[in-house]
Structures are given as structure tokens and as C-alpha cells.
C-alpha atoms as a PDB file:
ATOM      1  CA  UNK A   1      16.005  22.448 -43.111  1.00  0.00           C
ATOM      2  CA  UNK A   2      13.076  24.541 -41.908  1.00  0.00           C
ATOM      3  CA  UNK A   3      10.701  27.082 -43.390  1.00  0.00           C
ATOM      4  CA  UNK A   4      12.290  30.469 -43.908  1.00  0.00           C
ATOM      5  CA  UNK A   5       8.930  32.219 -44.003  1.00  0.00           C
ATOM      6  CA  UNK A   6       5.248  31.534 -43.626  1.00  0.00           C
ATOM      7  CA  UNK A   7       1.859  33.204 -43.240  1.00  0.00           C
ATOM      8  CA  UNK A   8       1.896  35.541 -40.243  1.00  0.00           C
ATOM      9  CA  UNK A   9      -1.336  34.232 -38.708  1.00  0.00           C
ATOM     10  CA  UNK A  10      -0.984  36.119 -35.393  1.00  0.00           C
ATOM     11  CA  UNK A  11      -0.834  39.388 -37.357  1.00  0.00           C
ATOM     12  CA  UNK A  12      -3.689  38.223 -39.608  1.00  0.00           C
ATOM     13  CA  UNK A  13      -6.034  37.968 -36.621  1.00  0.00           C
ATOM     14  CA  UNK A  14      -5.072  41.493 -35.560  1.00  0.00           C
ATOM     15  CA  UNK A  15      -5.703  42.823 -39.076  1.00  0.00           C
ATOM     16  CA  UNK A  16      -9.078  41.128 -39.437  1.00  0.00           C
ATOM     17  CA  UNK A  17     -10.171  42.174 -35.961  1.00  0.00           C
ATOM     18  CA  UNK A  18      -9.238  45.818 -36.455  1.00  0.00           C
ATOM     19  CA  UNK A  19     -10.675  46.318 -39.928  1.00  0.00           C
ATOM     20  CA  UNK A  20     -13.761  44.094 -39.846  1.00  0.00           C
ATOM     21  CA  UNK A  21     -15.342  46.441 -37.366  1.00  0.00           C
ATOM     22  CA  UNK A  22     -15.256  44.568 -34.091  1.00  0.00           C
ATOM     23  CA  UNK A  23     -11.669  44.827 -32.912  1.00  0.00           C
ATOM     24  CA  UNK A  24      -9.299  47.422 -31.609  1.00  0.00           C
ATOM     25  CA  UNK A  25      -6.250  49.082 -33.109  1.00  0.00           C
ATOM     26  CA  UNK A  26      -4.549  48.417 -29.784  1.00  0.00           C
ATOM     27  CA  UNK A  27      -4.892  44.696 -30.533  1.00  0.00           C
ATOM     28  CA  UNK A  28      -3.527  45.258 -34.040  1.00  0.00           C
ATOM     29  CA  UNK A  29      -0.509  47.114 -32.689  1.00  0.00           C
ATOM     30  CA  UNK A  30       0.086  44.379 -30.108  1.00  0.00           C
ATOM     31  CA  UNK A  31      -0.051  41.739 -32.869  1.00  0.00           C
ATOM     32  CA  UNK A  32       2.449  43.675 -35.019  1.00  0.00           C
ATOM     33  CA  UNK A  33       4.795  44.115 -32.044  1.00  0.00           C
ATOM     34  CA  UNK A  34       4.482  40.421 -31.140  1.00  0.00           C
ATOM     35  CA  UNK A  35       5.367  39.407 -34.701  1.00  0.00           C
ATOM     36  CA  UNK A  36       8.398  41.662 -34.620  1.00  0.00           C
ATOM     37  CA  UNK A  37       9.558  40.170 -31.303  1.00  0.00           C
ATOM     38  CA  UNK A  38       8.800  36.567 -32.270  1.00  0.00           C
ATOM     39  CA  UNK A  39      10.285  36.515 -35.742  1.00  0.00           C
ATOM     40  CA  UNK A  40      13.187  38.947 -35.256  1.00  0.00           C
ATOM     41  CA  UNK A  41      15.309  39.113 -38.395  1.00  0.00           C
ATOM     42  CA  UNK A  42      13.099  36.480 -40.066  1.00  0.00           C
ATOM     43  CA  UNK A  43      10.232  39.024 -40.096  1.00  0.00           C
ATOM     44  CA  UNK A  44      11.321  40.058 -43.600  1.00  0.00           C
ATOM     45  CA  UNK A  45      10.426  36.550 -44.821  1.00  0.00           C
ATOM     46  CA  UNK A  46       7.026  36.371 -43.169  1.00  0.00           C
ATOM     47  CA  UNK A  47       3.830  37.076 -45.122  1.00  0.00           C
ATOM     48  CA  UNK A  48       1.392  39.564 -43.671  1.00  0.00           C
ATOM     49  CA  UNK A  49      -2.014  38.937 -45.235  1.00  0.00           C
ATOM     50  CA  UNK A  50      -5.701  39.702 -44.875  1.00  0.00           C
ATOM     51  CA  UNK A  51      -7.031  36.562 -46.557  1.00  0.00           C
ATOM     52  CA  UNK A  52      -6.074  33.176 -47.946  1.00  0.00           C
ATOM     53  CA  UNK A  53      -7.616  29.874 -49.062  1.00  0.00           C
ATOM     54  CA  UNK A  54      -8.406  28.728 -45.504  1.00  0.00           C
ATOM     55  CA  UNK A  55     -10.543  31.623 -44.261  1.00  0.00           C
ATOM     56  CA  UNK A  56     -13.757  33.440 -45.215  1.00  0.00           C
ATOM     57  CA  UNK A  57     -13.338  36.408 -47.541  1.00  0.00           C
ATOM     58  CA  UNK A  58     -12.803  39.708 -45.785  1.00  0.00           C
ATOM     59  CA  UNK A  59     -15.543  41.445 -47.827  1.00  0.00           C
ATOM     60  CA  UNK A  60     -18.025  38.852 -46.570  1.00  0.00           C
ATOM     61  CA  UNK A  61     -16.930  39.287 -42.955  1.00  0.00           C
ATOM     62  CA  UNK A  62     -17.223  43.076 -43.227  1.00  0.00           C
ATOM     63  CA  UNK A  63     -20.718  42.723 -44.702  1.00  0.00           C
ATOM     64  CA  UNK A  64     -21.662  40.088 -42.117  1.00  0.00           C
ATOM     65  CA  UNK A  65     -23.586  38.154 -44.757  1.00  0.00           C
ATOM     66  CA  UNK A  66     -21.849  34.766 -44.750  1.00  0.00           C
ATOM     67  CA  UNK A  67     -24.077  31.781 -45.503  1.00  0.00           C
ATOM     68  CA  UNK A  68     -21.588  29.022 -44.676  1.00  0.00           C
ATOM     69  CA  UNK A  69     -19.045  27.204 -46.807  1.00  0.00           C
ATOM     70  CA  UNK A  70     -21.679  25.630 -49.065  1.00  0.00           C
ATOM     71  CA  UNK A  71     -24.196  28.446 -48.870  1.00  0.00           C
ATOM     72  CA  UNK A  72     -25.220  31.108 -51.295  1.00  0.00           C
ATOM     73  CA  UNK A  73     -23.312  34.021 -49.773  1.00  0.00           C
ATOM     74  CA  UNK A  74     -24.114  37.120 -51.837  1.00  0.00           C
ATOM     75  CA  UNK A  75     -21.124  38.922 -53.367  1.00  0.00           C
ATOM     76  CA  UNK A  76     -22.122  42.488 -52.522  1.00  0.00           C
ATOM     77  CA  UNK A  77     -19.181  44.086 -54.321  1.00  0.00           C
ATOM     78  CA  UNK A  78     -20.083  42.292 -57.565  1.00  0.00           C
ATOM     79  CA  UNK A  79     -23.815  42.932 -57.181  1.00  0.00           C
ATOM     80  CA  UNK A  80     -23.473  46.698 -57.494  1.00  0.00           C
ATOM     81  CA  UNK A  81     -24.226  48.624 -60.669  1.00  0.00           C
ATOM     82  CA  UNK A  82     -21.571  48.916 -63.365  1.00  0.00           C
ATOM     83  CA  UNK A  83     -21.113  52.666 -63.006  1.00  0.00           C
ATOM     84  CA  UNK A  84     -22.055  53.582 -59.407  1.00  0.00           C
ATOM     85  CA  UNK A  85     -20.161  52.822 -56.218  1.00  0.00           C
ATOM     86  CA  UNK A  86     -22.529  51.369 -53.609  1.00  0.00           C
ATOM     87  CA  UNK A  87     -20.304  49.528 -51.136  1.00  0.00           C
ATOM     88  CA  UNK A  88     -18.228  52.281 -49.536  1.00  0.00           C
ATOM     89  CA  UNK A  89     -18.065  50.489 -46.171  1.00  0.00           C
ATOM     90  CA  UNK A  90     -16.441  47.394 -47.695  1.00  0.00           C
ATOM     91  CA  UNK A  91     -14.185  49.441 -49.983  1.00  0.00           C
ATOM     92  CA  UNK A  92     -12.951  51.744 -47.210  1.00  0.00           C
ATOM     93  CA  UNK A  93     -12.380  49.017 -44.621  1.00  0.00           C
ATOM     94  CA  UNK A  94     -10.585  46.775 -47.092  1.00  0.00           C
ATOM     95  CA  UNK A  95      -8.512  49.737 -48.341  1.00  0.00           C
ATOM     96  CA  UNK A  96      -7.350  50.472 -44.808  1.00  0.00           C
ATOM     97  CA  UNK A  97      -6.561  46.791 -44.235  1.00  0.00           C
ATOM     98  CA  UNK A  98      -4.548  46.684 -47.476  1.00  0.00           C
ATOM     99  CA  UNK A  99      -2.760  49.898 -46.471  1.00  0.00           C
ATOM    100  CA  UNK A 100      -1.703  48.346 -43.193  1.00  0.00           C
ATOM    101  CA  UNK A 101      -0.779  44.998 -44.770  1.00  0.00           C
ATOM    102  CA  UNK A 102       1.239  46.492 -47.631  1.00  0.00           C
ATOM    103  CA  UNK A 103       3.258  48.726 -45.308  1.00  0.00           C
ATOM    104  CA  UNK A 104       4.407  45.899 -43.053  1.00  0.00           C
ATOM    105  CA  UNK A 105       7.803  44.238 -43.299  1.00  0.00           C
ATOM    106  CA  UNK A 106       7.856  40.940 -45.092  1.00  0.00           C
ATOM    107  CA  UNK A 107       6.380  39.555 -48.271  1.00  0.00           C
ATOM    108  CA  UNK A 108       2.698  40.523 -48.296  1.00  0.00           C
ATOM    109  CA  UNK A 109       0.284  37.940 -49.642  1.00  0.00           C
ATOM    110  CA  UNK A 110      -2.690  39.094 -51.678  1.00  0.00           C
ATOM    111  CA  UNK A 111      -5.092  36.207 -52.129  1.00  0.00           C
ATOM    112  CA  UNK A 112      -6.678  36.369 -55.562  1.00  0.00           C
ATOM    113  CA  UNK A 113      -9.968  38.216 -55.545  1.00  0.00           C
ATOM    114  CA  UNK A 114      -9.349  40.213 -52.372  1.00  0.00           C
ATOM    115  CA  UNK A 115      -8.133  43.116 -54.523  1.00  0.00           C
ATOM    116  CA  UNK A 116     -11.668  43.415 -55.943  1.00  0.00           C
ATOM    117  CA  UNK A 117     -13.525  42.484 -52.737  1.00  0.00           C
ATOM    118  CA  UNK A 118     -14.606  39.041 -53.933  1.00  0.00           C
ATOM    119  CA  UNK A 119     -17.227  37.563 -51.620  1.00  0.00           C
ATOM    120  CA  UNK A 120     -17.262  34.107 -50.107  1.00  0.00           C
ATOM    121  CA  UNK A 121     -17.634  32.382 -46.771  1.00  0.00           C
ATOM    122  CA  UNK A 122     -15.409  29.537 -45.503  1.00  0.00           C
ATOM    123  CA  UNK A 123     -13.654  27.035 -47.746  1.00  0.00           C
ATOM    124  CA  UNK A 124     -14.744  26.086 -50.435  1.00  0.00           C
ATOM    125  CA  UNK A 125     -16.953  29.194 -50.870  1.00  0.00           C
ATOM    126  CA  UNK A 126     -13.830  31.369 -50.660  1.00  0.00           C
ATOM    127  CA  UNK A 127     -12.437  29.784 -53.864  1.00  0.00           C
ATOM    128  CA  UNK A 128     -14.869  31.365 -56.294  1.00  0.00           C
ATOM    129  CA  UNK A 129     -13.847  32.252 -59.824  1.00  0.00           C
ATOM    130  CA  UNK A 130     -12.522  35.733 -60.491  1.00  0.00           C
ATOM    131  CA  UNK A 131     -15.084  37.965 -62.171  1.00  0.00           C
ATOM    132  CA  UNK A 132     -14.484  38.510 -65.876  1.00  0.00           C
ATOM    133  CA  UNK A 133     -15.809  42.051 -65.811  1.00  0.00           C
ATOM    134  CA  UNK A 134     -15.597  44.521 -62.956  1.00  0.00           C
ATOM    135  CA  UNK A 135     -18.146  47.065 -61.771  1.00  0.00           C
ATOM    136  CA  UNK A 136     -17.567  50.452 -60.108  1.00  0.00           C
ATOM    137  CA  UNK A 137     -17.183  48.944 -56.597  1.00  0.00           C
ATOM    138  CA  UNK A 138     -14.559  46.460 -57.708  1.00  0.00           C
ATOM    139  CA  UNK A 139     -12.668  48.955 -59.877  1.00  0.00           C
ATOM    140  CA  UNK A 140     -12.476  51.471 -57.008  1.00  0.00           C
ATOM    141  CA  UNK A 141     -10.962  48.913 -54.626  1.00  0.00           C
ATOM    142  CA  UNK A 142      -8.634  47.510 -57.300  1.00  0.00           C
ATOM    143  CA  UNK A 143      -7.321  50.998 -58.144  1.00  0.00           C
ATOM    144  CA  UNK A 144      -6.610  51.685 -54.478  1.00  0.00           C
ATOM    145  CA  UNK A 145      -4.735  48.386 -54.091  1.00  0.00           C
ATOM    146  CA  UNK A 146      -2.735  49.110 -57.255  1.00  0.00           C
ATOM    147  CA  UNK A 147      -1.748  52.532 -55.882  1.00  0.00           C
ATOM    148  CA  UNK A 148      -0.625  50.981 -52.607  1.00  0.00           C
ATOM    149  CA  UNK A 149       1.400  48.362 -54.472  1.00  0.00           C
ATOM    150  CA  UNK A 150       3.113  51.062 -56.519  1.00  0.00           C
ATOM    151  CA  UNK A 151       3.889  53.097 -53.395  1.00  0.00           C
ATOM    152  CA  UNK A 152       5.378  50.010 -51.734  1.00  0.00           C
ATOM    153  CA  UNK A 153       7.524  49.420 -54.806  1.00  0.00           C
ATOM    154  CA  UNK A 154       8.672  53.054 -55.094  1.00  0.00           C
ATOM    155  CA  UNK A 155       9.317  53.811 -51.401  1.00  0.00           C
ATOM    156  CA  UNK A 156      11.797  51.357 -49.840  1.00  0.00           C
ATOM    157  CA  UNK A 157      10.958  52.354 -46.263  1.00  0.00           C
ATOM    158  CA  UNK A 158       7.489  50.883 -46.778  1.00  0.00           C
ATOM    159  CA  UNK A 159       9.149  47.493 -47.269  1.00  0.00           C
ATOM    160  CA  UNK A 160      12.103  47.697 -44.925  1.00  0.00           C
ATOM    161  CA  UNK A 161      11.404  50.563 -42.529  1.00  0.00           C
ATOM    162  CA  UNK A 162      10.938  50.546 -38.792  1.00  0.00           C
ATOM    163  CA  UNK A 163       7.433  50.675 -37.393  1.00  0.00           C
ATOM    164  CA  UNK A 164       6.901  53.672 -35.127  1.00  0.00           C
ATOM    165  CA  UNK A 165       3.653  54.353 -33.328  1.00  0.00           C
ATOM    166  CA  UNK A 166       2.665  58.035 -33.392  1.00  0.00           C
ATOM    167  CA  UNK A 167      -0.838  57.668 -31.970  1.00  0.00           C
ATOM    168  CA  UNK A 168      -2.798  54.684 -30.792  1.00  0.00           C
ATOM    169  CA  UNK A 169      -6.198  54.172 -29.265  1.00  0.00           C
ATOM    170  CA  UNK A 170      -9.053  51.726 -29.885  1.00  0.00           C
ATOM    171  CA  UNK A 171     -10.295  53.455 -33.047  1.00  0.00           C
ATOM    172  CA  UNK A 172      -7.257  55.345 -34.425  1.00  0.00           C
ATOM    173  CA  UNK A 173      -3.799  54.060 -35.332  1.00  0.00           C
ATOM    174  CA  UNK A 174      -1.036  56.247 -36.735  1.00  0.00           C
END
């Protein structure tokens, strides 16, 4: 008679803060620990995520180029040349965020377009159409996300393991 799982918004804020460049990995670790305490055995039904239909696109937040929900926010990942990677900062930050998200317990949510770094500010700008062709930036990020998805599928501990902190400070999290 109640929801068995839902978006893990407290963890979302930790993920976005840590990987968008302004937050701390200590905050991310605290958010992950709080989710574990709060949800207990229901944690396996929660959805860790780095974007959804209610929030600005992560690529846009990393770039800091949002123009508002009805603006003309440039899609930097799509604007790059077909055969040259130009947006390493977005690709690397989003890759790390996906790595964290896809190694958390639960049912990770990948909002369409995040796997290619689709741009967009707040709703409705974050509901853009998927690109029909991909350039080098988008292909690089997509390939990394695919690899992470395959690792999650092949290695059960990445889905059901226990989180153990090996090293933690503001800028490094192992």
C-alpha cells in the first residue's frame, strides 16, 4: 500500500554537488551513508540517479551555461566536431558521476540523453529530443556509460555489495 522504491533525492544532491565541481566528496559519502541508514533493506529498491525530468541537465550544470527553462542553452557536447573530442571536462565529470551512480545499491535511473551529455536547463529545456547522430564527445561518454553498465551486469558485487570507504577527503573518494 506504499511505494516500494523511489528516486533517491538525498543521494542525488550529493552526486550533483560532488561531480559538478562545487561540492565535496565528504558530502557525497555522508549522503550515501544517510541513504543506507534511512532506507535500510529497502535501499535495493531505491533509484540512485544523476538527472531526471525535474532538474537541469548535468552537462549544463557542469558547463555553467544554463539560460533558463525557456532559454537557448547551448548544448556543448553536441556542438563539438564530429571527429574530435573537445569537452573533456564534461565527459570526465559525468563519467565519474555515472561510475558512482552505477556502483550504488538499488535500481539506477539513467534519464534519456544523460548518457550522451545532452544539454538543457530546467524543465522544459531538459526534455530536448535525442540527437539522431552523435559526435566524438557524445560517443566517448556513451561508450564509457556502456562499459560501466556492462561491468555492473557482470560483477554482482557492484549491484549488491557493501560500500566500504578506503579513503575520503574533500577532493578524493575511494
